[in-house]
Amino acid sequence: MSARTGGEPGCIGTLCKLTGTPYGDIASFATTTAPEGLLVYIEASADDAATICRNLHGMRMAGFFTNANAVLVGRTRAPGIDSLTQHEAVLDALGGLAVPIIADVECGHVPPYAPLVNGARGHVLYTEHRNELTQTLT
């Protein structure tokens, strides 16, 4: 799949506070900059799974993922809780989006800290034998 990498994606704990503001208006960014859709990437730095689940539900209801062609979820060391893992939290909030959700992407707050460039054109190849994300600056 190919699309432009999302506008202000990254740490869920930071992004959830921007929904409903001009700084978290991903739908407008997509409409003006990436009408073909977005590769939205998110990651949890420290919040437990229940907090991540609540924050992602709020972001989804605010339209944060409306223009997503795929959601890339960074690998995390953030804790789960007894009844919910980080992966389950993401699927609970975003599983109904009808787009691929790719977990454990090597970006975010854990090594190797691979950077993703906001606004770059991205192509994702995700198969049983190969996982690849290529970004092109345009």
C-alpha atoms as a PDB file:
ATOM      1  CA  MET A   1       0.000   0.000   0.000  1.00  0.00           C
ATOM      2  CA  SER A   2       1.180   3.526  -0.701  1.00  0.00           C
ATOM      3  CA  ALA A   3       0.113   6.799   0.880  1.00  0.00           C
ATOM      4  CA  ARG A   4       1.529   9.892   2.476  1.00  0.00           C
ATOM      5  CA  THR A   5       2.787   9.511   6.048  1.00  0.00           C
ATOM      6  CA  GLY A   6       0.412  11.188   8.519  1.00  0.00           C
ATOM      7  CA  GLY A   7       0.440  14.825   9.519  1.00  0.00           C
ATOM      8  CA  GLU A   8       1.071  14.997  13.251  1.00  0.00           C
ATOM      9  CA  PRO A   9       1.366  11.366  14.265  1.00  0.00           C
ATOM     10  CA  GLY A  10       3.481   9.903  17.002  1.00  0.00           C
ATOM     11  CA  CYS A  11       3.088   9.549  20.743  1.00  0.00           C
ATOM     12  CA  ILE A  12      -0.517   8.767  21.715  1.00  0.00           C
ATOM     13  CA  GLY A  13      -0.122  10.449  25.120  1.00  0.00           C
ATOM     14  CA  THR A  14       0.706  13.735  23.378  1.00  0.00           C
ATOM     15  CA  LEU A  15      -1.572  13.466  20.353  1.00  0.00           C
ATOM     16  CA  CYS A  16      -4.745  12.688  22.291  1.00  0.00           C
ATOM     17  CA  LYS A  17      -4.520  16.125  23.899  1.00  0.00           C
ATOM     18  CA  LEU A  18      -4.459  17.792  20.454  1.00  0.00           C
ATOM     19  CA  THR A  19      -7.674  16.267  19.095  1.00  0.00           C
ATOM     20  CA  GLY A  20     -10.316  18.906  18.556  1.00  0.00           C
ATOM     21  CA  THR A  21      -7.705  21.649  18.149  1.00  0.00           C
ATOM     22  CA  PRO A  22      -6.223  23.155  14.979  1.00  0.00           C
ATOM     23  CA  TYR A  23      -2.982  21.303  15.814  1.00  0.00           C
ATOM     24  CA  GLY A  24      -4.648  17.885  15.762  1.00  0.00           C
ATOM     25  CA  ASP A  25      -6.821  18.363  12.690  1.00  0.00           C
ATOM     26  CA  ILE A  26      -5.549  15.393  10.683  1.00  0.00           C
ATOM     27  CA  ALA A  27      -8.673  15.349   8.481  1.00  0.00           C
ATOM     28  CA  SER A  28      -7.891  18.844   7.134  1.00  0.00           C
ATOM     29  CA  PHE A  29      -4.248  17.901   6.629  1.00  0.00           C
ATOM     30  CA  ALA A  30      -5.312  14.857   4.622  1.00  0.00           C
ATOM     31  CA  THR A  31      -7.827  16.785   2.529  1.00  0.00           C
ATOM     32  CA  THR A  32      -5.342  19.476   1.521  1.00  0.00           C
ATOM     33  CA  THR A  33      -2.088  17.521   1.438  1.00  0.00           C
ATOM     34  CA  ALA A  34      -2.839  13.832   0.956  1.00  0.00           C
ATOM     35  CA  PRO A  35      -6.214  13.207  -0.693  1.00  0.00           C
ATOM     36  CA  GLU A  36      -4.989   9.675  -1.534  1.00  0.00           C
ATOM     37  CA  GLY A  37      -4.979   8.891   2.215  1.00  0.00           C
ATOM     38  CA  LEU A  38      -2.509   8.619   5.057  1.00  0.00           C
ATOM     39  CA  LEU A  39      -0.229   6.097   6.688  1.00  0.00           C
ATOM     40  CA  VAL A  40      -0.893   7.086  10.285  1.00  0.00           C
ATOM     41  CA  TYR A  41       1.730   6.039  12.814  1.00  0.00           C
ATOM     42  CA  ILE A  42       1.252   6.020  16.568  1.00  0.00           C
ATOM     43  CA  GLU A  43       3.042   4.646  19.595  1.00  0.00           C
ATOM     44  CA  ALA A  44       2.701   4.411  23.361  1.00  0.00           C
ATOM     45  CA  SER A  45       5.648   5.700  25.353  1.00  0.00           C
ATOM     46  CA  ALA A  46       4.631   4.914  28.933  1.00  0.00           C
ATOM     47  CA  ASP A  47       0.850   4.931  29.459  1.00  0.00           C
ATOM     48  CA  ASP A  48      -0.750   1.661  30.500  1.00  0.00           C
ATOM     49  CA  ALA A  49      -3.027  -0.250  28.132  1.00  0.00           C
ATOM     50  CA  ALA A  50      -6.291   1.067  29.621  1.00  0.00           C
ATOM     51  CA  THR A  51      -5.162   4.672  29.138  1.00  0.00           C
ATOM     52  CA  ILE A  52      -3.998   3.946  25.579  1.00  0.00           C
ATOM     53  CA  CYS A  53      -7.334   2.286  24.803  1.00  0.00           C
ATOM     54  CA  ARG A  54      -9.320   5.295  26.091  1.00  0.00           C
ATOM     55  CA  ASN A  55      -7.089   7.772  24.263  1.00  0.00           C
ATOM     56  CA  LEU A  56      -7.305   5.883  20.955  1.00  0.00           C
ATOM     57  CA  HIS A  57     -11.098   5.642  21.207  1.00  0.00           C
ATOM     58  CA  GLY A  58     -11.220   9.425  21.700  1.00  0.00           C
ATOM     59  CA  MET A  59      -8.871  10.044  18.790  1.00  0.00           C
ATOM     60  CA  ARG A  60     -10.922   7.751  16.539  1.00  0.00           C
ATOM     61  CA  MET A  61     -14.194   9.451  17.505  1.00  0.00           C
ATOM     62  CA  ALA A  62     -12.587  12.845  16.781  1.00  0.00           C
ATOM     63  CA  GLY A  63     -11.797  11.725  13.215  1.00  0.00           C
ATOM     64  CA  PHE A  64      -8.069  11.224  13.676  1.00  0.00           C
ATOM     65  CA  PHE A  65      -8.052   8.008  11.610  1.00  0.00           C
ATOM     66  CA  THR A  66     -10.767   8.886   9.058  1.00  0.00           C
ATOM     67  CA  ASN A  67      -8.328   9.266   6.157  1.00  0.00           C
ATOM     68  CA  ALA A  68      -6.035   6.393   7.142  1.00  0.00           C
ATOM     69  CA  ASN A  69      -5.048   3.804   4.552  1.00  0.00           C
ATOM     70  CA  ALA A  70      -3.179   1.949   7.301  1.00  0.00           C
ATOM     71  CA  VAL A  71      -2.199   2.458  10.935  1.00  0.00           C
ATOM     72  CA  LEU A  72       1.392   1.707  11.922  1.00  0.00           C
ATOM     73  CA  VAL A  73       1.829   1.060  15.649  1.00  0.00           C
ATOM     74  CA  GLY A  74       5.282   1.475  17.130  1.00  0.00           C
ATOM     75  CA  ARG A  75       6.747  -1.224  19.343  1.00  0.00           C
ATOM     76  CA  THR A  76       6.379  -0.342  23.016  1.00  0.00           C
ATOM     77  CA  ARG A  77       7.536  -1.309  26.468  1.00  0.00           C
ATOM     78  CA  ALA A  78       4.546   0.452  28.030  1.00  0.00           C
ATOM     79  CA  PRO A  79       2.690  -1.783  30.480  1.00  0.00           C
ATOM     80  CA  GLY A  80      -0.472  -3.728  29.960  1.00  0.00           C
ATOM     81  CA  ILE A  81      -2.935  -4.344  32.767  1.00  0.00           C
ATOM     82  CA  ASP A  82      -4.298  -7.662  34.050  1.00  0.00           C
ATOM     83  CA  SER A  83      -7.186  -7.682  31.588  1.00  0.00           C
ATOM     84  CA  LEU A  84      -5.701  -5.813  28.598  1.00  0.00           C
ATOM     85  CA  THR A  85      -2.409  -5.857  26.680  1.00  0.00           C
ATOM     86  CA  GLN A  86      -1.151  -2.946  24.597  1.00  0.00           C
ATOM     87  CA  HIS A  87      -1.991  -4.878  21.401  1.00  0.00           C
ATOM     88  CA  GLU A  88      -5.519  -5.597  22.650  1.00  0.00           C
ATOM     89  CA  ALA A  89      -5.976  -1.905  23.499  1.00  0.00           C
ATOM     90  CA  VAL A  90      -5.135  -0.884  19.927  1.00  0.00           C
ATOM     91  CA  LEU A  91      -7.432  -3.522  18.430  1.00  0.00           C
ATOM     92  CA  ASP A  92     -10.283  -2.597  20.777  1.00  0.00           C
ATOM     93  CA  ALA A  93     -10.138   1.046  19.713  1.00  0.00           C
ATOM     94  CA  LEU A  94      -9.106   0.740  16.065  1.00  0.00           C
ATOM     95  CA  GLY A  95     -10.010  -2.787  14.979  1.00  0.00           C
ATOM     96  CA  GLY A  96     -13.210  -1.607  13.296  1.00  0.00           C
ATOM     97  CA  LEU A  97     -11.452   0.849  10.965  1.00  0.00           C
ATOM     98  CA  ALA A  98     -11.330  -1.569   8.008  1.00  0.00           C
ATOM     99  CA  VAL A  99      -7.695  -0.679   7.274  1.00  0.00           C
ATOM    100  CA  PRO A 100      -4.551  -2.685   8.013  1.00  0.00           C
ATOM    101  CA  ILE A 101      -3.131  -2.191  11.498  1.00  0.00           C
ATOM    102  CA  ILE A 102       0.541  -3.134  11.620  1.00  0.00           C
ATOM    103  CA  ALA A 103       1.963  -3.562  15.126  1.00  0.00           C
ATOM    104  CA  ASP A 104       5.500  -3.526  16.497  1.00  0.00           C
ATOM    105  CA  VAL A 105       6.902  -1.124  13.904  1.00  0.00           C
ATOM    106  CA  GLU A 106      10.483  -0.169  14.801  1.00  0.00           C
ATOM    107  CA  CYS A 107       9.785   3.484  15.599  1.00  0.00           C
ATOM    108  CA  GLY A 108       9.087   5.426  18.741  1.00  0.00           C
ATOM    109  CA  HIS A 109      10.461   5.301  22.266  1.00  0.00           C
ATOM    110  CA  VAL A 110      12.332   1.981  22.067  1.00  0.00           C
ATOM    111  CA  PRO A 111      15.477   1.033  20.159  1.00  0.00           C
ATOM    112  CA  PRO A 112      16.300   1.300  17.320  1.00  0.00           C
ATOM    113  CA  TYR A 113      14.300   4.585  17.423  1.00  0.00           C
ATOM    114  CA  ALA A 114      13.848   4.571  13.635  1.00  0.00           C
ATOM    115  CA  PRO A 115      12.562   7.992  12.539  1.00  0.00           C
ATOM    116  CA  LEU A 116       9.513   8.425  10.316  1.00  0.00           C
ATOM    117  CA  VAL A 117       9.200  11.700   8.419  1.00  0.00           C
ATOM    118  CA  ASN A 118       5.868  13.505   8.737  1.00  0.00           C
ATOM    119  CA  GLY A 119       4.473  14.364   5.323  1.00  0.00           C
ATOM    120  CA  ALA A 120       6.770  12.021   3.378  1.00  0.00           C
ATOM    121  CA  ARG A 121       5.343   9.705   0.769  1.00  0.00           C
ATOM    122  CA  GLY A 122       5.354   6.175   2.182  1.00  0.00           C
ATOM    123  CA  HIS A 123       5.027   2.656   0.842  1.00  0.00           C
ATOM    124  CA  VAL A 124       4.418  -0.336   3.120  1.00  0.00           C
ATOM    125  CA  LEU A 125       5.159  -3.914   2.167  1.00  0.00           C
ATOM    126  CA  TYR A 126       3.921  -6.318   4.827  1.00  0.00           C
ATOM    127  CA  THR A 127       3.934 -10.035   4.124  1.00  0.00           C
ATOM    128  CA  GLU A 128       4.641 -13.215   6.026  1.00  0.00           C
ATOM    129  CA  HIS A 129       8.253 -13.128   4.841  1.00  0.00           C
ATOM    130  CA  ARG A 130       9.060  -9.435   4.488  1.00  0.00           C
ATOM    131  CA  ASN A 131       8.184  -6.178   6.245  1.00  0.00           C
ATOM    132  CA  GLU A 132       9.320  -2.928   4.693  1.00  0.00           C
ATOM    133  CA  LEU A 133       8.488   0.762   4.983  1.00  0.00           C
ATOM    134  CA  THR A 134      10.004   3.072   2.381  1.00  0.00           C
ATOM    135  CA  GLN A 135       9.648   6.843   2.603  1.00  0.00           C
ATOM    136  CA  THR A 136      10.301   9.348  -0.169  1.00  0.00           C
ATOM    137  CA  LEU A 137      10.661  13.068   0.402  1.00  0.00           C
ATOM    138  CA  THR A 138       8.843  15.054  -2.272  1.00  0.00           C
END
